[in-house]
Amino acid sequence: MTGPVRDSLIIARYMLARALRTRSALLLVALFGLVASGSAYGFTRILLVLENQVARVLRVPQTETPGALMDAVKTDVDFLDMMRAMVGGDEALLQWALELPLLTVTHFWTGLGTLPFIAAAAGAEAVSSDIHDRSIRFELVRAGRLEIVAGRFLGLSLLLGVAVFGSTLGVWAVAMLGMINNPPLEQMTTLLSMSPRLWMWCLPFCGLGVAASQLTANVNLARLIALAAVAFTWIAYGVIEAEVLEGWMQAVAESVQVLLPQAWIGALWGPGWGWLTPAGVFVALAWCAWSLGYPIMARRNL
């Protein structure tokens, strides 16, 4: 193993150890766990309303716990419209999604919306605080600047993976306690099958956060820049998809759209191993993203 790679891995391990020591790892896991569990509970309340609506139509007793009329709900027009919107209108994907436990589907799409901002906020703390108090100089004695930034990114990426996989426990608990007729093993296995996709999805946004952390020694400013960058990617994607630009501007926008992580969302969804292609793209985009801030880091007086 070459020196720079070894140094980056050592720094990544140190980043993980420091996160555990300062409780930041626990905070990150708890944050996404609360978001995922809260969203899952909210969807069970929506399902309960839909089930009681179906119960009134069928003239059967209403329930207080969702899940009893799940098969009937899957034929409800409002429910199908909601699921169709989640899968982008693809009927084949809709039928596949209807075979999955509901909370697996909602957990996946909740993660697509919330993880980019959580990952960017976490990445913004990669080096900015150490630049501020100049403690990064102690690491510079043993490793180069590039290895330090790469190692910090690797460490944060692993933390995000722990947060994503850990959140499945909260969603699974909501599914078991807040619903009935929900097979425990199927619910857990399907949740776990979606976790690698969500992990890969958040990496480019973590890279944006790490890039922002190299631009300033102010952690709060770095976090603000990172969150603004994430919001910009969503806005840019929406503008390109809406085709509000004209002529050559739209053509240029569509040609660079592949550089936005959002352009690969559709490929994440579906059966089989097709999601590995966008996963590889996300890893490449992540490394390109954090390197955007390195020219500033390389010339900074530390």
Protein backbone atom coordinates (compact mmCIF):
# COMPACT_ATOMS: atom_id res chain seq x y z
CA MET A 1 0.00 0.00 0.00
CA THR A 2 1.45 3.36 -1.03
CA GLY A 3 2.26 6.07 1.49
CA PRO A 4 -0.50 8.59 0.56
CA VAL A 5 -3.20 5.90 0.57
CA ARG A 6 -1.99 4.55 3.91
CA ASP A 7 -1.90 8.05 5.38
CA SER A 8 -5.47 8.73 4.20
CA LEU A 9 -6.72 5.51 5.76
CA ILE A 10 -4.97 6.29 9.06
CA ILE A 11 -6.55 9.75 9.10
CA ALA A 12 -9.95 8.23 8.32
CA ARG A 13 -9.55 5.89 11.29
CA TYR A 14 -8.53 8.82 13.47
CA MET A 15 -11.59 10.74 12.24
CA LEU A 16 -13.85 7.88 13.30
CA ALA A 17 -12.18 7.60 16.69
CA ARG A 18 -12.52 11.32 17.31
CA ALA A 19 -16.18 11.26 16.26
CA LEU A 20 -16.89 8.50 18.78
CA ARG A 21 -14.93 10.30 21.48
CA THR A 22 -16.73 13.63 20.94
CA ARG A 23 -20.17 11.99 20.52
CA SER A 24 -20.55 13.50 17.05
CA ALA A 25 -20.99 10.02 15.57
CA LEU A 26 -23.82 9.29 17.99
CA LEU A 27 -25.41 12.64 17.15
CA LEU A 28 -25.29 11.95 13.42
CA VAL A 29 -26.78 8.48 13.83
CA ALA A 30 -29.46 9.81 16.18
CA LEU A 31 -30.32 12.72 13.86
CA PHE A 32 -31.06 10.62 10.81
CA GLY A 33 -32.63 7.92 12.97
CA LEU A 34 -35.08 10.46 14.38
CA VAL A 35 -35.84 11.87 10.94
CA ALA A 36 -36.40 8.41 9.46
CA SER A 37 -38.48 7.15 12.40
CA GLY A 38 -40.56 10.33 12.57
CA SER A 39 -41.26 10.18 8.85
CA ALA A 40 -42.19 6.50 9.10
CA TYR A 41 -44.63 7.27 11.90
CA GLY A 42 -46.14 10.09 9.85
CA PHE A 43 -46.71 7.74 6.92
CA THR A 44 -48.45 5.23 9.19
CA ARG A 45 -50.91 8.01 10.12
CA ILE A 46 -51.52 8.70 6.43
CA LEU A 47 -52.06 4.99 5.86
CA LEU A 48 -54.55 4.87 8.73
CA VAL A 49 -56.59 7.65 7.15
CA LEU A 50 -56.58 5.82 3.81
CA GLU A 51 -57.57 2.54 5.45
CA ASN A 52 -60.47 4.12 7.30
CA GLN A 53 -61.58 5.75 4.07
CA VAL A 54 -61.57 2.34 2.38
CA ALA A 55 -63.37 0.84 5.40
CA ARG A 56 -66.19 3.34 5.03
CA VAL A 57 -66.55 2.50 1.35
CA LEU A 58 -66.56 -1.24 2.06
CA ARG A 59 -68.78 -0.75 5.12
CA VAL A 60 -66.48 -2.69 7.42
CA PRO A 61 -65.32 -1.67 10.92
CA GLN A 62 -62.64 1.00 11.04
CA THR A 63 -59.33 0.26 12.76
CA GLU A 64 -57.05 2.19 15.07
CA THR A 65 -53.85 0.52 13.84
CA PRO A 66 -52.95 0.57 10.14
CA GLY A 67 -52.20 -2.59 8.21
CA ALA A 68 -55.43 -4.55 8.40
CA LEU A 69 -56.76 -3.28 5.06
CA MET A 70 -53.44 -2.88 3.27
CA ASP A 71 -54.50 -5.05 0.32
CA ALA A 72 -57.62 -2.95 -0.18
CA VAL A 73 -55.69 0.30 0.14
CA LYS A 74 -53.37 -0.78 -2.67
CA THR A 75 -56.34 -0.52 -5.02
CA ASP A 76 -57.34 2.95 -3.76
CA VAL A 77 -56.94 5.69 -6.37
CA ASP A 78 -55.41 8.23 -3.97
CA PHE A 79 -52.87 5.72 -2.68
CA LEU A 80 -51.91 4.61 -6.18
CA ASP A 81 -51.47 8.24 -7.26
CA MET A 82 -49.12 8.81 -4.31
CA MET A 83 -47.09 5.70 -5.10
CA ARG A 84 -47.04 6.52 -8.81
CA ALA A 85 -45.56 9.94 -8.01
CA MET A 86 -42.85 8.28 -5.91
CA VAL A 87 -41.70 6.05 -8.77
CA GLY A 88 -41.89 8.74 -11.43
CA GLY A 89 -44.98 7.39 -13.16
CA ASP A 90 -43.35 4.15 -14.31
CA GLU A 91 -46.05 1.45 -14.13
CA ALA A 92 -43.55 -1.41 -13.98
CA LEU A 93 -41.80 0.18 -11.03
CA LEU A 94 -45.17 0.90 -9.46
CA GLN A 95 -46.09 -2.78 -9.49
CA TRP A 96 -42.71 -3.67 -8.01
CA ALA A 97 -43.08 -1.04 -5.29
CA LEU A 98 -46.54 -2.32 -4.36
CA GLU A 99 -44.97 -5.68 -3.52
CA LEU A 100 -42.67 -4.04 -0.95
CA PRO A 101 -43.67 -3.09 2.60
CA LEU A 102 -44.95 0.48 2.52
CA LEU A 103 -42.46 1.81 5.06
CA THR A 104 -39.56 0.51 2.99
CA VAL A 105 -40.71 2.66 0.08
CA THR A 106 -41.38 5.74 2.19
CA HIS A 107 -38.08 5.36 4.07
CA PHE A 108 -36.19 5.30 0.80
CA TRP A 109 -37.81 8.43 -0.55
CA THR A 110 -37.53 10.24 2.77
CA GLY A 111 -33.80 9.52 2.71
CA LEU A 112 -33.49 10.91 -0.81
CA GLY A 113 -34.89 14.22 0.41
CA THR A 114 -33.22 14.60 3.80
CA LEU A 115 -29.84 12.85 3.56
CA PRO A 116 -28.24 15.38 1.17
CA PHE A 117 -28.63 18.17 3.73
CA ILE A 118 -27.51 16.01 6.67
CA ALA A 119 -24.48 14.78 4.72
CA ALA A 120 -23.50 18.29 3.62
CA ALA A 121 -23.80 19.65 7.15
CA ALA A 122 -21.62 16.83 8.46
CA GLY A 123 -19.04 17.33 5.72
CA ALA A 124 -18.80 21.06 6.47
CA GLU A 125 -17.09 20.21 9.76
CA ALA A 126 -14.37 18.12 8.12
CA VAL A 127 -11.43 20.54 8.44
CA SER A 128 -12.83 24.03 9.07
CA SER A 129 -12.76 23.77 12.87
CA ASP A 130 -9.18 22.47 12.84
CA ILE A 131 -8.16 25.28 10.52
CA HIS A 132 -9.73 27.75 12.93
CA ASP A 133 -7.77 26.60 15.99
CA ARG A 134 -4.75 25.55 13.86
CA SER A 135 -4.71 22.07 15.37
CA ILE A 136 -4.46 20.70 11.84
CA ARG A 137 -0.77 21.61 11.93
CA PHE A 138 -0.07 18.59 14.13
CA GLU A 139 -1.39 16.27 11.41
CA LEU A 140 0.60 18.12 8.76
CA VAL A 141 3.79 16.94 10.48
CA ARG A 142 2.98 13.35 9.42
CA ALA A 143 0.75 13.70 6.33
CA GLY A 144 0.14 16.04 3.41
CA ARG A 145 -2.86 18.29 3.00
CA LEU A 146 -4.39 16.16 0.28
CA GLU A 147 -4.15 13.02 2.42
CA ILE A 148 -5.74 14.84 5.37
CA VAL A 149 -8.74 16.03 3.37
CA ALA A 150 -9.18 12.65 1.66
CA GLY A 151 -8.94 10.85 5.00
CA ARG A 152 -11.49 13.17 6.60
CA PHE A 153 -13.87 12.54 3.72
CA LEU A 154 -13.45 8.78 4.03
CA GLY A 155 -14.10 8.92 7.76
CA LEU A 156 -17.25 11.00 7.34
CA SER A 157 -18.46 8.67 4.59
CA LEU A 158 -18.21 5.72 6.95
CA LEU A 159 -20.07 7.67 9.64
CA LEU A 160 -22.86 8.38 7.18
CA GLY A 161 -23.01 4.68 6.35
CA VAL A 162 -23.46 3.87 10.04
CA ALA A 163 -26.22 6.49 10.26
CA VAL A 164 -28.06 5.14 7.22
CA PHE A 165 -27.91 1.50 8.29
CA GLY A 166 -28.67 2.40 11.91
CA SER A 167 -31.82 4.29 10.89
CA THR A 168 -33.38 1.05 9.68
CA LEU A 169 -33.79 -0.06 13.30
CA GLY A 170 -36.01 2.94 14.08
CA VAL A 171 -38.13 2.45 10.97
CA TRP A 172 -38.42 -1.27 11.67
CA ALA A 173 -39.53 -0.55 15.24
CA VAL A 174 -42.22 1.84 13.96
CA ALA A 175 -43.37 -0.80 11.48
CA MET A 176 -43.60 -3.46 14.18
CA LEU A 177 -45.23 -1.32 16.86
CA GLY A 178 -47.34 0.97 14.72
CA MET A 179 -48.73 -1.49 12.15
CA ILE A 180 -50.22 -4.96 12.03
CA ASN A 181 -49.90 -7.77 9.48
CA ASN A 182 -46.35 -6.60 8.72
CA PRO A 183 -43.88 -9.54 8.39
CA PRO A 184 -40.85 -8.66 10.57
CA LEU A 185 -38.22 -10.43 8.47
CA GLU A 186 -39.45 -9.06 5.15
CA GLN A 187 -39.63 -5.55 6.58
CA MET A 188 -36.07 -5.68 7.89
CA THR A 189 -34.51 -7.31 4.82
CA THR A 190 -36.12 -4.84 2.42
CA LEU A 191 -35.03 -1.90 4.57
CA LEU A 192 -31.48 -3.22 4.60
CA SER A 193 -31.57 -3.72 0.84
CA MET A 194 -32.29 0.00 0.38
CA SER A 195 -29.60 1.18 2.80
CA PRO A 196 -26.59 0.81 0.46
CA ARG A 197 -28.43 2.87 -2.15
CA LEU A 198 -29.12 5.67 0.32
CA TRP A 199 -25.51 5.56 1.54
CA MET A 200 -24.12 5.98 -1.96
CA TRP A 201 -26.68 8.69 -2.69
CA CYS A 202 -25.51 10.96 0.14
CA LEU A 203 -21.78 10.78 -0.68
CA PRO A 204 -21.69 13.54 -3.36
CA PHE A 205 -23.36 15.93 -0.92
CA CYS A 206 -20.89 14.99 1.80
CA GLY A 207 -18.21 15.88 -0.76
CA LEU A 208 -19.79 19.31 -1.21
CA GLY A 209 -19.67 19.79 2.55
CA VAL A 210 -15.99 18.83 2.70
CA ALA A 211 -15.29 21.27 -0.14
CA ALA A 212 -17.04 24.05 1.80
CA SER A 213 -15.03 23.21 4.92
CA GLN A 214 -11.81 23.95 3.01
CA LEU A 215 -12.99 27.41 1.99
CA THR A 216 -13.29 28.95 5.44
CA ALA A 217 -12.21 28.47 9.03
CA ASN A 218 -15.69 29.40 10.23
CA VAL A 219 -17.68 26.19 10.74
CA ASN A 220 -21.06 27.90 10.62
CA LEU A 221 -20.18 29.68 7.38
CA ALA A 222 -18.91 26.41 5.89
CA ARG A 223 -22.16 24.72 6.86
CA LEU A 224 -24.18 27.53 5.28
CA ILE A 225 -22.19 27.31 2.05
CA ALA A 226 -22.63 23.52 1.96
CA LEU A 227 -26.39 23.68 2.50
CA ALA A 228 -26.71 26.42 -0.12
CA ALA A 229 -24.78 24.24 -2.58
CA VAL A 230 -27.13 21.31 -1.96
CA ALA A 231 -30.17 23.56 -2.46
CA PHE A 232 -28.63 24.86 -5.67
CA THR A 233 -28.29 21.33 -7.09
CA TRP A 234 -31.99 20.71 -6.47
CA ILE A 235 -32.98 24.05 -8.01
CA ALA A 236 -30.72 23.52 -11.03
CA TYR A 237 -32.13 20.03 -11.56
CA GLY A 238 -35.70 21.33 -11.33
CA VAL A 239 -35.02 24.14 -13.82
CA ILE A 240 -33.45 21.74 -16.32
CA GLU A 241 -36.27 19.21 -15.96
CA ALA A 242 -38.92 21.94 -16.35
CA GLU A 243 -37.25 23.07 -19.61
CA VAL A 244 -37.79 26.74 -18.79
CA LEU A 245 -34.54 27.69 -20.55
CA GLU A 246 -34.52 28.32 -24.27
CA GLY A 247 -32.33 27.41 -27.21
CA TRP A 248 -28.66 26.80 -26.61
CA MET A 249 -28.98 27.45 -22.87
CA GLN A 250 -31.29 24.46 -22.46
CA ALA A 251 -29.00 22.33 -24.62
CA VAL A 252 -25.96 23.22 -22.49
CA ALA A 253 -27.92 22.65 -19.29
CA GLU A 254 -29.03 19.20 -20.42
CA SER A 255 -25.47 18.29 -21.38
CA VAL A 256 -24.17 19.04 -17.88
CA GLN A 257 -27.18 17.57 -16.10
CA VAL A 258 -25.35 14.26 -15.68
CA LEU A 259 -23.04 16.03 -13.22
CA LEU A 260 -25.96 16.51 -10.83
CA PRO A 261 -26.62 13.59 -8.46
CA GLN A 262 -30.37 14.13 -8.89
CA ALA A 263 -30.08 13.08 -12.54
CA TRP A 264 -29.35 9.53 -11.36
CA ILE A 265 -32.17 9.16 -8.83
CA GLY A 266 -34.36 7.13 -11.17
CA ALA A 267 -31.63 4.55 -11.71
CA LEU A 268 -31.42 3.96 -7.94
CA TRP A 269 -34.97 2.67 -7.86
CA GLY A 270 -35.96 -0.79 -9.01
CA PRO A 271 -35.23 -4.50 -8.54
CA GLY A 272 -31.90 -6.18 -9.15
CA TRP A 273 -28.45 -4.70 -9.18
CA GLY A 274 -29.01 -1.85 -11.62
CA TRP A 275 -28.46 0.63 -8.79
CA LEU A 276 -24.73 -0.17 -8.79
CA THR A 277 -24.27 2.03 -11.87
CA PRO A 278 -25.49 5.24 -10.21
CA ALA A 279 -23.65 4.18 -7.05
CA GLY A 280 -20.38 4.24 -8.98
CA VAL A 281 -21.31 7.64 -10.41
CA PHE A 282 -22.02 8.97 -6.91
CA VAL A 283 -18.61 7.84 -5.66
CA ALA A 284 -16.91 9.58 -8.58
CA LEU A 285 -18.97 12.75 -8.10
CA ALA A 286 -18.17 12.72 -4.38
CA TRP A 287 -14.42 12.71 -4.95
CA CYS A 288 -14.74 15.42 -7.58
CA ALA A 289 -16.94 17.47 -5.23
CA TRP A 290 -14.57 17.60 -2.25
CA SER A 291 -11.62 18.33 -4.53
CA LEU A 292 -13.31 21.60 -5.60
CA GLY A 293 -12.19 23.19 -2.37
CA TYR A 294 -8.67 21.77 -2.39
CA PRO A 295 -7.02 24.56 -4.47
CA ILE A 296 -7.88 26.94 -1.60
CA MET A 297 -6.75 24.42 1.00
CA ALA A 298 -3.45 23.85 -0.80
CA ARG A 299 -2.54 27.55 -0.67
CA ARG A 300 -3.98 28.32 2.78
CA ASN A 301 -1.61 29.56 5.48
CA LEU A 302 -1.98 26.97 8.24
